[in-house]
Amino acid sequence: MIIGRTIISEKAIEQIVLETIYDCYGVVGVHKSTILEKVQGKPPDIKIKTRRDILTLQLSLLVDPELPFQQVAKNTIHTLRFILSKMIGIEQDNIKIKLYLYKVKA
């Protein structure tokens, strides 16, 4: 029996993602792709795809160069899965995340 459905826009998911990543250990921002990088096929800043009950995120993030990338990536993925599962009701196993990390230039 289906009692009800809620439709959540990709824009709303993007806002949740943005607010969450700025609270993650070592993340200092979102990498803004230049026109040249886009022409060269570099990944987009934030890309969100929804298909049935699967949520796929592709994020380009700026990271503190003093911190280990692996730890920042692990923490960011864990935090995003937890927050998104609580806020939009999707199971953590159905959230796929691909990160591109860039060191902040001094």
Protein backbone atom coordinates (compact mmCIF):
# COMPACT_ATOMS: atom_id res chain seq x y z
CA MET A 1 0.00 0.00 0.00
CA ILE A 2 1.38 3.41 -0.96
CA ILE A 3 0.28 6.11 1.43
CA GLY A 4 1.93 9.03 -0.30
CA ARG A 5 4.84 10.33 -2.33
CA THR A 6 7.05 13.32 -2.04
CA ILE A 7 8.81 14.78 -5.03
CA ILE A 8 12.12 16.46 -4.30
CA SER A 9 13.71 18.57 -7.03
CA GLU A 10 17.36 18.22 -8.00
CA LYS A 11 17.76 21.91 -7.07
CA ALA A 12 16.64 21.11 -3.50
CA ILE A 13 19.06 18.19 -3.36
CA GLU A 14 21.83 20.47 -4.64
CA GLN A 15 21.12 22.95 -1.84
CA ILE A 16 21.31 20.17 0.78
CA VAL A 17 24.59 18.97 -0.76
CA LEU A 18 26.11 22.47 -0.75
CA GLU A 19 25.16 23.13 2.86
CA THR A 20 26.51 19.73 3.89
CA ILE A 21 29.89 19.86 2.12
CA TYR A 22 30.82 23.19 3.68
CA ASP A 23 30.57 21.48 7.08
CA CYS A 24 32.83 18.60 6.03
CA TYR A 25 36.36 18.20 7.36
CA GLY A 26 38.91 19.69 4.97
CA VAL A 27 36.49 20.98 2.32
CA VAL A 28 36.90 24.70 1.72
CA GLY A 29 34.66 25.15 -1.31
CA VAL A 30 33.37 24.02 -4.66
CA HIS A 31 35.79 24.06 -7.60
CA LYS A 32 34.40 26.34 -10.29
CA SER A 33 35.27 25.02 -13.74
CA THR A 34 36.66 27.51 -16.23
CA ILE A 35 35.46 27.55 -19.83
CA LEU A 36 38.76 25.96 -20.90
CA GLU A 37 38.33 23.12 -18.40
CA LYS A 38 34.77 22.49 -19.62
CA VAL A 39 35.99 22.35 -23.25
CA GLN A 40 38.74 19.92 -22.18
CA GLY A 41 36.09 17.63 -20.68
CA LYS A 42 36.89 18.22 -16.99
CA PRO A 43 34.12 17.24 -14.55
CA PRO A 44 31.38 19.76 -13.69
CA ASP A 45 31.24 21.60 -10.36
CA ILE A 46 28.19 19.70 -9.15
CA LYS A 47 26.19 17.16 -11.12
CA ILE A 48 23.13 15.42 -9.70
CA LYS A 49 21.27 12.58 -11.39
CA THR A 50 18.24 10.75 -10.09
CA ARG A 51 16.99 7.53 -11.56
CA ARG A 52 14.26 5.59 -9.81
CA ASP A 53 15.54 5.19 -6.25
CA ILE A 54 19.24 5.82 -7.05
CA LEU A 55 20.86 9.21 -6.42
CA THR A 56 24.19 9.89 -8.15
CA LEU A 57 26.37 12.88 -7.23
CA GLN A 58 29.49 14.11 -8.99
CA LEU A 59 31.28 16.87 -7.09
CA SER A 60 34.41 18.92 -7.72
CA LEU A 61 35.65 20.23 -4.38
CA LEU A 62 38.45 22.45 -3.14
CA VAL A 63 40.38 20.86 -0.29
CA ASP A 64 42.83 22.17 2.30
CA PRO A 65 46.27 21.19 0.92
CA GLU A 66 47.56 20.39 4.42
CA LEU A 67 45.11 17.53 4.90
CA PRO A 68 45.18 14.01 3.42
CA PHE A 69 42.86 13.73 0.41
CA GLN A 70 41.81 10.20 1.31
CA GLN A 71 40.56 11.21 4.75
CA VAL A 72 38.72 14.26 3.39
CA ALA A 73 37.07 12.14 0.68
CA LYS A 74 36.04 9.40 3.13
CA ASN A 75 34.56 11.90 5.59
CA THR A 76 32.75 13.84 2.86
CA ILE A 77 31.16 10.74 1.34
CA HIS A 78 30.10 9.41 4.76
CA THR A 79 28.60 12.76 5.79
CA LEU A 80 26.74 13.28 2.50
CA ARG A 81 25.24 9.78 2.59
CA PHE A 82 24.12 10.19 6.20
CA ILE A 83 22.55 13.66 5.74
CA LEU A 84 20.86 12.83 2.42
CA SER A 85 19.43 9.59 3.77
CA LYS A 86 17.96 11.43 6.77
CA MET A 87 16.66 14.45 4.83
CA ILE A 88 15.24 12.87 1.69
CA GLY A 89 14.65 9.32 2.90
CA ILE A 90 16.84 7.44 0.43
CA GLU A 91 18.85 4.45 1.64
CA GLN A 92 22.59 5.11 2.01
CA ASP A 93 23.40 2.18 -0.30
CA ASN A 94 21.44 3.92 -3.08
CA ILE A 95 23.55 7.08 -2.97
CA LYS A 96 26.50 6.99 -5.38
CA ILE A 97 29.14 9.71 -4.99
CA LYS A 98 32.11 10.53 -7.19
CA LEU A 99 34.48 13.21 -5.92
CA TYR A 100 37.11 15.23 -7.74
CA LEU A 101 39.37 16.94 -5.23
CA TYR A 102 41.53 19.97 -5.94
CA LYS A 103 44.08 21.51 -3.61
CA VAL A 104 43.50 25.13 -2.71
CA LYS A 105 46.27 27.30 -4.13
CA ALA A 106 47.89 29.65 -1.66
